[in-house]
PDB file of N, CA and C in Angstrom:
ATOM      1  N   MET A   1     160.006 -20.005 -75.683  1.00  0.00           N
ATOM      2  CA  MET A   1     161.303 -20.552 -75.839  1.00  0.00           C
ATOM      3  C   MET A   1     161.190 -22.076 -75.818  1.00  0.00           C
ATOM      4  N   VAL A   2     161.825 -22.705 -76.793  1.00  0.00           N
ATOM      5  CA  VAL A   2     161.820 -24.159 -76.880  1.00  0.00           C
ATOM      6  C   VAL A   2     163.186 -24.668 -76.433  1.00  0.00           C
ATOM      7  N   VAL A   3     163.186 -25.558 -75.460  1.00  0.00           N
ATOM      8  CA  VAL A   3     164.432 -26.071 -74.935  1.00  0.00           C
ATOM      9  C   VAL A   3     164.837 -27.347 -75.667  1.00  0.00           C
ATOM     10  N   HIS A   4     163.906 -28.280 -75.800  1.00  0.00           N
ATOM     11  CA  HIS A   4     164.228 -29.551 -76.462  1.00  0.00           C
ATOM     12  C   HIS A   4     162.953 -30.061 -77.130  1.00  0.00           C
ATOM     13  N   THR A   5     163.037 -30.336 -78.414  1.00  0.00           N
ATOM     14  CA  THR A   5     161.856 -30.810 -79.132  1.00  0.00           C
ATOM     15  C   THR A   5     161.858 -32.321 -79.311  1.00  0.00           C
ATOM     16  N   GLY A   6     162.985 -32.973 -79.175  1.00  0.00           N
ATOM     17  CA  GLY A   6     163.028 -34.429 -79.262  1.00  0.00           C
ATOM     18  C   GLY A   6     163.195 -34.918 -80.687  1.00  0.00           C
ATOM     19  N   VAL A   7     162.938 -36.192 -80.858  1.00  0.00           N
ATOM     20  CA  VAL A   7     163.131 -36.814 -82.170  1.00  0.00           C
ATOM     21  C   VAL A   7     161.855 -36.818 -82.996  1.00  0.00           C
ATOM     22  N   GLU A   8     160.781 -36.251 -82.483  1.00  0.00           N
ATOM     23  CA  GLU A   8     159.514 -36.271 -83.215  1.00  0.00           C
ATOM     24  C   GLU A   8     159.272 -34.981 -83.993  1.00  0.00           C
ATOM     25  N   THR A   9     160.319 -34.258 -84.312  1.00  0.00           N
ATOM     26  CA  THR A   9     160.168 -33.093 -85.169  1.00  0.00           C
ATOM     27  C   THR A   9     160.234 -33.522 -86.620  1.00  0.00           C
ATOM     28  N   ARG A  10     159.773 -32.681 -87.515  1.00  0.00           N
ATOM     29  CA  ARG A  10     159.760 -33.019 -88.923  1.00  0.00           C
ATOM     30  C   ARG A  10     161.166 -33.247 -89.470  1.00  0.00           C
ATOM     31  N   MET A  11     162.092 -32.414 -89.051  1.00  0.00           N
ATOM     32  CA  MET A  11     163.461 -32.545 -89.546  1.00  0.00           C
ATOM     33  C   MET A  11     164.102 -33.844 -89.044  1.00  0.00           C
ATOM     34  N   ALA A  12     163.905 -34.186 -87.797  1.00  0.00           N
ATOM     35  CA  ALA A  12     164.498 -35.399 -87.245  1.00  0.00           C
ATOM     36  C   ALA A  12     163.864 -36.652 -87.826  1.00  0.00           C
ATOM     37  N   MET A  13     162.573 -36.609 -88.128  1.00  0.00           N
ATOM     38  CA  MET A  13     161.894 -37.787 -88.669  1.00  0.00           C
ATOM     39  C   MET A  13     162.230 -38.006 -90.137  1.00  0.00           C
ATOM     40  N   ASN A  14     162.625 -36.965 -90.853  1.00  0.00           N
ATOM     41  CA  ASN A  14     162.955 -37.106 -92.273  1.00  0.00           C
ATOM     42  C   ASN A  14     164.411 -37.479 -92.509  1.00  0.00           C
ATOM     43  N   THR A  15     165.236 -37.444 -91.497  1.00  0.00           N
ATOM     44  CA  THR A  15     166.632 -37.839 -91.679  1.00  0.00           C
ATOM     45  C   THR A  15     166.745 -39.343 -91.478  1.00  0.00           C
ATOM     46  N   SER A  16     167.418 -39.968 -92.377  1.00  0.00           N
ATOM     47  CA  SER A  16     167.645 -41.413 -92.259  1.00  0.00           C
ATOM     48  C   SER A  16     169.053 -41.708 -92.762  1.00  0.00           C
ATOM     49  N   ALA A  17     169.565 -42.813 -92.339  1.00  0.00           N
ATOM     50  CA  ALA A  17     170.905 -43.202 -92.761  1.00  0.00           C
ATOM     51  C   ALA A  17     170.866 -43.612 -94.234  1.00  0.00           C
ATOM     52  N   PRO A  18     171.843 -43.178 -95.022  1.00  0.00           N
ATOM     53  CA  PRO A  18     171.832 -43.559 -96.442  1.00  0.00           C
ATOM     54  C   PRO A  18     172.081 -45.053 -96.590  1.00  0.00           C
ATOM     55  N   ARG A  19     171.386 -45.664 -97.549  1.00  0.00           N
ATOM     56  CA  ARG A  19     171.577 -47.091 -97.748  1.00  0.00           C
ATOM     57  C   ARG A  19     172.845 -47.321 -98.553  1.00  0.00           C
ATOM     58  N   GLN A  20     173.462 -48.421 -98.274  1.00  0.00           N
ATOM     59  CA  GLN A  20     174.725 -48.747 -98.935  1.00  0.00           C
ATOM     60  C   GLN A  20     174.425 -49.467-100.242  1.00  0.00           C
ATOM     61  N   LYS A  21     175.020 -48.998-101.313  1.00  0.00           N
ATOM     62  CA  LYS A  21     174.779 -49.580-102.625  1.00  0.00           C
ATOM     63  C   LYS A  21     175.839 -50.647-102.900  1.00  0.00           C
ATOM     64  N   THR A  22     175.387 -51.871-103.087  1.00  0.00           N
ATOM     65  CA  THR A  22     176.289 -52.956-103.423  1.00  0.00           C
ATOM     66  C   THR A  22     175.773 -53.631-104.678  1.00  0.00           C
ATOM     67  N   GLY A  23     176.676 -54.125-105.462  1.00  0.00           N
ATOM     68  CA  GLY A  23     176.307 -54.811-106.685  1.00  0.00           C
ATOM     69  C   GLY A  23     175.802 -56.212-106.411  1.00  0.00           C
ATOM     70  N   THR A  24     175.149 -56.787-107.420  1.00  0.00           N
ATOM     71  CA  THR A  24     174.614 -58.133-107.291  1.00  0.00           C
ATOM     72  C   THR A  24     175.722 -59.158-107.127  1.00  0.00           C
ATOM     73  N   LEU A  25     176.817 -58.964-107.838  1.00  0.00           N
ATOM     74  CA  LEU A  25     177.936 -59.891-107.732  1.00  0.00           C
ATOM     75  C   LEU A  25     178.554 -59.863-106.336  1.00  0.00           C
ATOM     76  N   ASP A  26     178.656 -58.679-105.750  1.00  0.00           N
ATOM     77  CA  ASP A  26     179.194 -58.563-104.389  1.00  0.00           C
ATOM     78  C   ASP A  26     178.296 -59.286-103.391  1.00  0.00           C
ATOM     79  N   MET A  27     176.983 -59.138-103.547  1.00  0.00           N
ATOM     80  CA  MET A  27     176.061 -59.819-102.636  1.00  0.00           C
ATOM     81  C   MET A  27     176.134 -61.334-102.816  1.00  0.00           C
ATOM     82  N   GLU A  28     176.312 -61.807-104.053  1.00  0.00           N
ATOM     83  CA  GLU A  28     176.436 -63.240-104.282  1.00  0.00           C
ATOM     84  C   GLU A  28     177.727 -63.796-103.677  1.00  0.00           C
ATOM     85  N   VAL A  29     178.818 -63.054-103.811  1.00  0.00           N
ATOM     86  CA  VAL A  29     180.098 -63.510-103.244  1.00  0.00           C
ATOM     87  C   VAL A  29     180.022 -63.501-101.717  1.00  0.00           C
ATOM     88  N   ASN A  30     179.380 -62.498-101.127  1.00  0.00           N
ATOM     89  CA  ASN A  30     179.225 -62.461 -99.676  1.00  0.00           C
ATOM     90  C   ASN A  30     178.381 -63.641 -99.184  1.00  0.00           C
ATOM     91  N   TRP A  31     177.297 -63.944 -99.908  1.00  0.00           N
ATOM     92  CA  TRP A  31     176.450 -65.082 -99.542  1.00  0.00           C
ATOM     93  C   TRP A  31     177.225 -66.383 -99.643  1.00  0.00           C
ATOM     94  N   LEU A  32     178.008 -66.525-100.704  1.00  0.00           N
ATOM     95  CA  LEU A  32     178.810 -67.740-100.884  1.00  0.00           C
ATOM     96  C   LEU A  32     179.849 -67.871 -99.775  1.00  0.00           C
ATOM     97  N   ALA A  33     180.473 -66.786 -99.369  1.00  0.00           N
ATOM     98  CA  ALA A  33     181.461 -66.836 -98.286  1.00  0.00           C
ATOM     99  C   ALA A  33     180.795 -67.250 -96.975  1.00  0.00           C
ATOM    100  N   LYS A  34     179.590 -66.765 -96.708  1.00  0.00           N
ATOM    101  CA  LYS A  34     178.877 -67.159 -95.484  1.00  0.00           C
ATOM    102  C   LYS A  34     178.520 -68.636 -95.506  1.00  0.00           C
ATOM    103  N   VAL A  35     178.062 -69.134 -96.650  1.00  0.00           N
ATOM    104  CA  VAL A  35     177.717 -70.550 -96.762  1.00  0.00           C
ATOM    105  C   VAL A  35     178.957 -71.410 -96.580  1.00  0.00           C
ATOM    106  N   LEU A  36     180.069 -71.016 -97.183  1.00  0.00           N
ATOM    107  CA  LEU A  36     181.304 -71.782 -97.045  1.00  0.00           C
ATOM    108  C   LEU A  36     181.832 -71.762 -95.612  1.00  0.00           C
ATOM    109  N   PHE A  37     181.662 -70.641 -94.918  1.00  0.00           N
ATOM    110  CA  PHE A  37     182.081 -70.572 -93.519  1.00  0.00           C
ATOM    111  C   PHE A  37     181.262 -71.529 -92.663  1.00  0.00           C
ATOM    112  N   ILE A  38     179.958 -71.544 -92.873  1.00  0.00           N
ATOM    113  CA  ILE A  38     179.101 -72.469 -92.113  1.00  0.00           C
ATOM    114  C   ILE A  38     179.473 -73.917 -92.436  1.00  0.00           C
ATOM    115  N   LEU A  39     179.732 -74.207 -93.712  1.00  0.00           N
ATOM    116  CA  LEU A  39     180.157 -75.546 -94.104  1.00  0.00           C
ATOM    117  C   LEU A  39     181.478 -75.920 -93.429  1.00  0.00           C
ATOM    118  N   MET A  40     182.399 -74.988 -93.348  1.00  0.00           N
ATOM    119  CA  MET A  40     183.681 -75.241 -92.711  1.00  0.00           C
ATOM    120  C   MET A  40     183.512 -75.559 -91.226  1.00  0.00           C
ATOM    121  N   VAL A  41     182.652 -74.839 -90.535  1.00  0.00           N
ATOM    122  CA  VAL A  41     182.420 -75.084 -89.119  1.00  0.00           C
ATOM    123  C   VAL A  41     181.750 -76.444 -88.907  1.00  0.00           C
ATOM    124  N   VAL A  42     180.794 -76.779 -89.789  1.00  0.00           N
ATOM    125  CA  VAL A  42     180.103 -78.071 -89.670  1.00  0.00           C
ATOM    126  C   VAL A  42     181.075 -79.226 -89.916  1.00  0.00           C
ATOM    127  N   ILE A  43     181.910 -79.114 -90.937  1.00  0.00           N
ATOM    128  CA  ILE A  43     182.891 -80.169 -91.208  1.00  0.00           C
ATOM    129  C   ILE A  43     183.874 -80.296 -90.051  1.00  0.00           C
ATOM    130  N   SER A  44     184.282 -79.176 -89.482  1.00  0.00           N
ATOM    131  CA  SER A  44     185.185 -79.226 -88.324  1.00  0.00           C
ATOM    132  C   SER A  44     184.517 -79.918 -87.143  1.00  0.00           C
ATOM    133  N   ALA A  45     183.263 -79.614 -86.893  1.00  0.00           N
ATOM    134  CA  ALA A  45     182.541 -80.255 -85.790  1.00  0.00           C
ATOM    135  C   ALA A  45     182.390 -81.754 -86.040  1.00  0.00           C
ATOM    136  N   LEU A  46     182.137 -82.144 -87.296  1.00  0.00           N
ATOM    137  CA  LEU A  46     182.024 -83.573 -87.604  1.00  0.00           C
ATOM    138  C   LEU A  46     183.351 -84.302 -87.403  1.00  0.00           C
ATOM    139  N   ILE A  47     184.446 -83.669 -87.770  1.00  0.00           N
ATOM    140  CA  ILE A  47     185.766 -84.285 -87.579  1.00  0.00           C
ATOM    141  C   ILE A  47     186.059 -84.447 -86.090  1.00  0.00           C
ATOM    142  N   ILE A  48     185.753 -83.446 -85.287  1.00  0.00           N
ATOM    143  CA  ILE A  48     185.994 -83.528 -83.853  1.00  0.00           C
ATOM    144  C   ILE A  48     185.065 -84.567 -83.221  1.00  0.00           C
ATOM    145  N   ALA A  49     183.824 -84.640 -83.688  1.00  0.00           N
ATOM    146  CA  ALA A  49     182.892 -85.644 -83.156  1.00  0.00           C
ATOM    147  C   ALA A  49     183.348 -87.053 -83.519  1.00  0.00           C
ATOM    148  N   ALA A  50     183.896 -87.239 -84.716  1.00  0.00           N
ATOM    149  CA  ALA A  50     184.395 -88.560 -85.103  1.00  0.00           C
ATOM    150  C   ALA A  50     185.634 -88.947 -84.301  1.00  0.00           C
ATOM    151  N   ASP A  51     186.426 -87.960 -83.914  1.00  0.00           N
ATOM    152  CA  ASP A  51     187.628 -88.235 -83.137  1.00  0.00           C
ATOM    153  C   ASP A  51     187.301 -88.460 -81.668  1.00  0.00           C
ATOM    154  N   GLY A  52     186.198 -87.901 -81.214  1.00  0.00           N
ATOM    155  CA  GLY A  52     185.804 -88.044 -79.806  1.00  0.00           C
ATOM    156  C   GLY A  52     186.100 -86.759 -79.060  1.00  0.00           C
ATOM    157  N   PHE A  53     185.226 -86.455 -78.100  1.00  0.00           N
ATOM    158  CA  PHE A  53     185.355 -85.224 -77.324  1.00  0.00           C
ATOM    159  C   PHE A  53     186.133 -85.479 -76.042  1.00  0.00           C
ATOM    160  N   TYR A  54     187.369 -85.872 -76.158  1.00  0.00           N
ATOM    161  CA  TYR A  54     188.186 -86.094 -74.972  1.00  0.00           C
ATOM    162  C   TYR A  54     189.357 -85.123 -74.989  1.00  0.00           C
ATOM    163  N   GLY A  55     189.819 -84.790 -73.780  1.00  0.00           N
ATOM    164  CA  GLY A  55     190.958 -83.874 -73.674  1.00  0.00           C
ATOM    165  C   GLY A  55     190.571 -82.446 -74.058  1.00  0.00           C
ATOM    166  N   ASP A  56     191.500 -81.764 -74.655  1.00  0.00           N
ATOM    167  CA  ASP A  56     191.271 -80.375 -75.097  1.00  0.00           C
ATOM    168  C   ASP A  56     190.693 -80.386 -76.509  1.00  0.00           C
ATOM    169  N   TRP A  57     189.443 -80.789 -76.636  1.00  0.00           N
ATOM    170  CA  TRP A  57     188.828 -80.922 -77.949  1.00  0.00           C
ATOM    171  C   TRP A  57     188.611 -79.578 -78.611  1.00  0.00           C
ATOM    172  N   TYR A  58     188.413 -78.515 -77.835  1.00  0.00           N
ATOM    173  CA  TYR A  58     188.179 -77.196 -78.429  1.00  0.00           C
ATOM    174  C   TYR A  58     189.437 -76.667 -79.098  1.00  0.00           C
ATOM    175  N   PHE A  59     190.638 -77.032 -78.590  1.00  0.00           N
ATOM    176  CA  PHE A  59     191.859 -76.643 -79.301  1.00  0.00           C
ATOM    177  C   PHE A  59     191.979 -77.387 -80.624  1.00  0.00           C
ATOM    178  N   LYS A  60     191.577 -78.666 -80.606  1.00  0.00           N
ATOM    179  CA  LYS A  60     191.576 -79.443 -81.851  1.00  0.00           C
ATOM    180  C   LYS A  60     190.572 -78.864 -82.841  1.00  0.00           C
ATOM    181  N   PHE A  61     189.433 -78.398 -82.308  1.00  0.00           N
ATOM    182  CA  PHE A  61     188.401 -77.815 -83.174  1.00  0.00           C
ATOM    183  C   PHE A  61     188.953 -76.583 -83.906  1.00  0.00           C
ATOM    184  N   PHE A  62     189.623 -75.691 -83.189  1.00  0.00           N
ATOM    185  CA  PHE A  62     190.196 -74.502 -83.826  1.00  0.00           C
ATOM    186  C   PHE A  62     191.353 -74.861 -84.750  1.00  0.00           C
ATOM    187  N   ARG A  63     192.080 -75.906 -84.436  1.00  0.00           N
ATOM    188  CA  ARG A  63     193.150 -76.367 -85.307  1.00  0.00           C
ATOM    189  C   ARG A  63     192.579 -76.868 -86.641  1.00  0.00           C
ATOM    190  N   VAL A  64     191.479 -77.611 -86.557  1.00  0.00           N
ATOM    191  CA  VAL A  64     190.843 -78.106 -87.780  1.00  0.00           C
ATOM    192  C   VAL A  64     190.247 -76.949 -88.584  1.00  0.00           C
ATOM    193  N   ILE A  65     189.691 -75.955 -87.910  1.00  0.00           N
ATOM    194  CA  ILE A  65     189.182 -74.783 -88.619  1.00  0.00           C
ATOM    195  C   ILE A  65     190.310 -74.066 -89.348  1.00  0.00           C
ATOM    196  N   LEU A  66     191.472 -73.944 -88.708  1.00  0.00           N
ATOM    197  CA  LEU A  66     192.616 -73.308 -89.377  1.00  0.00           C
ATOM    198  C   LEU A  66     193.080 -74.135 -90.577  1.00  0.00           C
ATOM    199  N   LEU A  67     193.001 -75.455 -90.459  1.00  0.00           N
ATOM    200  CA  LEU A  67     193.406 -76.298 -91.589  1.00  0.00           C
ATOM    201  C   LEU A  67     192.407 -76.202 -92.744  1.00  0.00           C
ATOM    202  N   LEU A  68     191.148 -76.004 -92.427  1.00  0.00           N
ATOM    203  CA  LEU A  68     190.120 -75.944 -93.470  1.00  0.00           C
ATOM    204  C   LEU A  68     189.824 -74.524 -93.951  1.00  0.00           C
ATOM    205  N   CYS A  69     190.555 -73.529 -93.478  1.00  0.00           N
ATOM    206  CA  CYS A  69     190.240 -72.144 -93.849  1.00  0.00           C
ATOM    207  C   CYS A  69     190.488 -71.869 -95.335  1.00  0.00           C
ATOM    208  N   ALA A  70     191.171 -72.774 -96.022  1.00  0.00           N
ATOM    209  CA  ALA A  70     191.390 -72.584 -97.462  1.00  0.00           C
ATOM    210  C   ALA A  70     190.106 -72.796 -98.256  1.00  0.00           C
ATOM    211  N   ILE A  71     189.040 -73.248 -97.619  1.00  0.00           N
ATOM    212  CA  ILE A  71     187.755 -73.425 -98.305  1.00  0.00           C
ATOM    213  C   ILE A  71     187.202 -72.080 -98.755  1.00  0.00           C
ATOM    214  N   ILE A  72     187.420 -71.044 -97.949  1.00  0.00           N
ATOM    215  CA  ILE A  72     186.899 -69.722 -98.278  1.00  0.00           C
ATOM    216  C   ILE A  72     187.902 -69.019 -99.187  1.00  0.00           C
ATOM    217  N   PRO A  73     187.540 -68.753-100.443  1.00  0.00           N
ATOM    218  CA  PRO A  73     188.494 -68.170-101.402  1.00  0.00           C
ATOM    219  C   PRO A  73     188.591 -66.659-101.292  1.00  0.00           C
ATOM    220  N   ILE A  74     189.486 -66.169-100.463  1.00  0.00           N
ATOM    221  CA  ILE A  74     189.670 -64.727-100.317  1.00  0.00           C
ATOM    222  C   ILE A  74     190.307 -64.142-101.570  1.00  0.00           C
ATOM    223  N   SER A  75     191.129 -64.937-102.251  1.00  0.00           N
ATOM    224  CA  SER A  75     191.759 -64.438-103.471  1.00  0.00           C
ATOM    225  C   SER A  75     190.729 -64.136-104.550  1.00  0.00           C
ATOM    226  N   MET A  76     189.583 -64.805-104.516  1.00  0.00           N
ATOM    227  CA  MET A  76     188.540 -64.522-105.494  1.00  0.00           C
ATOM    228  C   MET A  76     188.015 -63.095-105.311  1.00  0.00           C
ATOM    229  N   ARG A  77     187.840 -62.676-104.066  1.00  0.00           N
ATOM    230  CA  ARG A  77     187.368 -61.315-103.782  1.00  0.00           C
ATOM    231  C   ARG A  77     188.394 -60.292-104.262  1.00  0.00           C
ATOM    232  N   ILE A  78     189.673 -60.569-104.043  1.00  0.00           N
ATOM    233  CA  ILE A  78     190.731 -59.651-104.474  1.00  0.00           C
ATOM    234  C   ILE A  78     190.776 -59.560-105.996  1.00  0.00           C
ATOM    235  N   ASN A  79     190.650 -60.696-106.683  1.00  0.00           N
ATOM    236  CA  ASN A  79     190.631 -60.684-108.143  1.00  0.00           C
ATOM    237  C   ASN A  79     189.435 -59.912-108.688  1.00  0.00           C
ATOM    238  N   LEU A  80     188.277 -60.052-108.056  1.00  0.00           N
ATOM    239  CA  LEU A  80     187.101 -59.298-108.497  1.00  0.00           C
ATOM    240  C   LEU A  80     187.311 -57.794-108.324  1.00  0.00           C
ATOM    241  N   ASP A  81     187.911 -57.393-107.227  1.00  0.00           N
ATOM    242  CA  ASP A  81     188.151 -55.964-106.992  1.00  0.00           C
ATOM    243  C   ASP A  81     189.144 -55.381-108.004  1.00  0.00           C
ATOM    244  N   PHE A  82     190.203 -56.140-108.317  1.00  0.00           N
ATOM    245  CA  PHE A  82     191.156 -55.658-109.320  1.00  0.00           C
ATOM    246  C   PHE A  82     190.526 -55.622-110.712  1.00  0.00           C
ATOM    247  N   ALA A  83     189.663 -56.582-111.008  1.00  0.00           N
ATOM    248  CA  ALA A  83     188.971 -56.571-112.305  1.00  0.00           C
ATOM    249  C   ALA A  83     188.063 -55.352-112.407  1.00  0.00           C
ATOM    250  N   LYS A  84     187.378 -54.996-111.313  1.00  0.00           N
ATOM    251  CA  LYS A  84     186.514 -53.808-111.333  1.00  0.00           C
ATOM    252  C   LYS A  84     187.346 -52.541-111.569  1.00  0.00           C
ATOM    253  N   LEU A  85     188.508 -52.459-110.930  1.00  0.00           N
ATOM    254  CA  LEU A  85     189.374 -51.292-111.147  1.00  0.00           C
ATOM    255  C   LEU A  85     189.848 -51.231-112.600  1.00  0.00           C
ATOM    256  N   PHE A  86     190.178 -52.375-113.182  1.00  0.00           N
ATOM    257  CA  PHE A  86     190.632 -52.410-114.569  1.00  0.00           C
ATOM    258  C   PHE A  86     189.506 -52.008-115.523  1.00  0.00           C
ATOM    259  N   TYR A  87     188.285 -52.492-115.283  1.00  0.00           N
ATOM    260  CA  TYR A  87     187.145 -52.125-116.134  1.00  0.00           C
ATOM    261  C   TYR A  87     186.842 -50.632-116.008  1.00  0.00           C
ATOM    262  N   LYS A  88     186.958 -50.112-114.788  1.00  0.00           N
ATOM    263  CA  LYS A  88     186.742 -48.682-114.580  1.00  0.00           C
ATOM    264  C   LYS A  88     187.765 -47.866-115.361  1.00  0.00           C
ATOM    265  N   TYR A  89     189.013 -48.311-115.339  1.00  0.00           N
ATOM    266  CA  TYR A  89     190.061 -47.629-116.098  1.00  0.00           C
ATOM    267  C   TYR A  89     189.778 -47.681-117.584  1.00  0.00           C
ATOM    268  N   GLN A  90     189.325 -48.833-118.089  1.00  0.00           N
ATOM    269  CA  GLN A  90     189.032 -48.957-119.516  1.00  0.00           C
ATOM    270  C   GLN A  90     187.863 -48.069-119.933  1.00  0.00           C
ATOM    271  N   VAL A  91     186.855 -47.960-119.088  1.00  0.00           N
ATOM    272  CA  VAL A  91     185.711 -47.100-119.415  1.00  0.00           C
ATOM    273  C   VAL A  91     186.150 -45.644-119.447  1.00  0.00           C
ATOM    274  N   GLU A  92     186.981 -45.235-118.519  1.00  0.00           N
ATOM    275  CA  GLU A  92     187.409 -43.837-118.462  1.00  0.00           C
ATOM    276  C   GLU A  92     188.371 -43.470-119.585  1.00  0.00           C
ATOM    277  N   THR A  93     189.147 -44.423-120.107  1.00  0.00           N
ATOM    278  CA  THR A  93     190.126 -44.119-121.154  1.00  0.00           C
ATOM    279  C   THR A  93     189.655 -44.554-122.534  1.00  0.00           C
ATOM    280  N   ASP A  94     188.357 -44.753-122.711  1.00  0.00           N
ATOM    281  CA  ASP A  94     187.822 -45.145-124.008  1.00  0.00           C
ATOM    282  C   ASP A  94     187.899 -43.962-124.977  1.00  0.00           C
ATOM    283  N   ASP A  95     188.444 -44.196-126.174  1.00  0.00           N
ATOM    284  CA  ASP A  95     188.605 -43.132-127.169  1.00  0.00           C
ATOM    285  C   ASP A  95     187.286 -42.752-127.831  1.00  0.00           C
ATOM    286  N   GLU A  96     186.343 -43.664-127.919  1.00  0.00           N
ATOM    287  CA  GLU A  96     185.070 -43.381-128.587  1.00  0.00           C
ATOM    288  C   GLU A  96     184.177 -42.483-127.739  1.00  0.00           C
ATOM    289  N   ILE A  97     184.286 -42.578-126.418  1.00  0.00           N
ATOM    290  CA  ILE A  97     183.477 -41.754-125.527  1.00  0.00           C
ATOM    291  C   ILE A  97     184.445 -40.919-124.702  1.00  0.00           C
ATOM    292  N   THR A  98     184.614 -39.680-125.079  1.00  0.00           N
ATOM    293  CA  THR A  98     185.557 -38.821-124.355  1.00  0.00           C
ATOM    294  C   THR A  98     184.872 -38.179-123.148  1.00  0.00           C
ATOM    295  N   GLY A  99     185.630 -37.960-122.108  1.00  0.00           N
ATOM    296  CA  GLY A  99     185.109 -37.291-120.913  1.00  0.00           C
ATOM    297  C   GLY A  99     184.288 -38.206-120.026  1.00  0.00           C
ATOM    298  N   THR A 100     184.391 -39.513-120.174  1.00  0.00           N
ATOM    299  CA  THR A 100     183.628 -40.435-119.359  1.00  0.00           C
ATOM    300  C   THR A 100     184.291 -40.591-117.991  1.00  0.00           C
ATOM    301  N   ILE A 101     183.472 -40.504-116.951  1.00  0.00           N
ATOM    302  CA  ILE A 101     183.959 -40.692-115.588  1.00  0.00           C
ATOM    303  C   ILE A 101     183.139 -41.799-114.961  1.00  0.00           C
ATOM    304  N   ALA A 102     183.806 -42.862-114.548  1.00  0.00           N
ATOM    305  CA  ALA A 102     183.124 -43.971-113.874  1.00  0.00           C
ATOM    306  C   ALA A 102     183.131 -43.698-112.377  1.00  0.00           C
ATOM    307  N   ARG A 103     181.984 -43.323-111.852  1.00  0.00           N
ATOM    308  CA  ARG A 103     181.888 -43.008-110.431  1.00  0.00           C
ATOM    309  C   ARG A 103     181.524 -44.229-109.587  1.00  0.00           C
ATOM    310  N   ASN A 104     181.156 -45.315-110.245  1.00  0.00           N
ATOM    311  CA  ASN A 104     180.752 -46.528-109.558  1.00  0.00           C
ATOM    312  C   ASN A 104     181.470 -47.700-110.190  1.00  0.00           C
ATOM    313  N   SER A 105     182.079 -48.540-109.390  1.00  0.00           N
ATOM    314  CA  SER A 105     182.837 -49.658-109.945  1.00  0.00           C
ATOM    315  C   SER A 105     181.964 -50.845-110.309  1.00  0.00           C
ATOM    316  N   THR A 106     180.679 -50.824-109.950  1.00  0.00           N
ATOM    317  CA  THR A 106     179.794 -51.947-110.259  1.00  0.00           C
ATOM    318  C   THR A 106     179.066 -51.790-111.588  1.00  0.00           C
ATOM    319  N   ILE A 107     179.296 -50.705-112.293  1.00  0.00           N
ATOM    320  CA  ILE A 107     178.590 -50.470-113.562  1.00  0.00           C
ATOM    321  C   ILE A 107     178.902 -51.551-114.597  1.00  0.00           C
ATOM    322  N   PRO A 108     180.161 -51.930-114.832  1.00  0.00           N
ATOM    323  CA  PRO A 108     180.414 -52.956-115.846  1.00  0.00           C
ATOM    324  C   PRO A 108     179.772 -54.300-115.527  1.00  0.00           C
ATOM    325  N   GLU A 109     179.756 -54.704-114.268  1.00  0.00           N
ATOM    326  CA  GLU A 109     179.145 -55.993-113.958  1.00  0.00           C
ATOM    327  C   GLU A 109     177.631 -55.945-114.082  1.00  0.00           C
ATOM    328  N   GLU A 110     177.037 -54.786-113.772  1.00  0.00           N
ATOM    329  CA  GLU A 110     175.579 -54.678-113.934  1.00  0.00           C
ATOM    330  C   GLU A 110     175.219 -54.616-115.424  1.00  0.00           C
ATOM    331  N   LEU A 111     176.079 -54.001-116.243  1.00  0.00           N
ATOM    332  CA  LEU A 111     175.823 -53.996-117.678  1.00  0.00           C
ATOM    333  C   LEU A 111     175.951 -55.397-118.258  1.00  0.00           C
ATOM    334  N   GLY A 112     176.859 -56.193-117.714  1.00  0.00           N
ATOM    335  CA  GLY A 112     177.026 -57.556-118.181  1.00  0.00           C
ATOM    336  C   GLY A 112     175.870 -58.450-117.829  1.00  0.00           C
ATOM    337  N   ARG A 113     175.065 -58.081-116.852  1.00  0.00           N
ATOM    338  CA  ARG A 113     173.914 -58.878-116.461  1.00  0.00           C
ATOM    339  C   ARG A 113     172.693 -58.602-117.297  1.00  0.00           C
ATOM    340  N   LEU A 114     172.727 -57.583-118.151  1.00  0.00           N
ATOM    341  CA  LEU A 114     171.556 -57.253-118.964  1.00  0.00           C
ATOM    342  C   LEU A 114     171.217 -58.304-119.968  1.00  0.00           C
TER     343      LEU A 114
END
């Protein structure tokens, strides 16, 4: 009788978490958002350093971050998502290719990169 075999069994060692599939454009937009966030924090720190670290400087720091949050274009991400939905709709309703089902929204952007 086997009570507990642990994680070193063949079945447990062959199971792995599925990798998440993201398009190249999504990875580029994510990278750009991270760079812009770091730039926003650096600019905020420079503004606070130029003003001087007196009083409640950390409240001023967060105030400047809120003022500079327009640097990160969230509307760009929303526009890209709506464009992907529109391209998916166009692929599925194409008269030349009947019965087409777009199961992935990144197909049109990957085709455009060819």
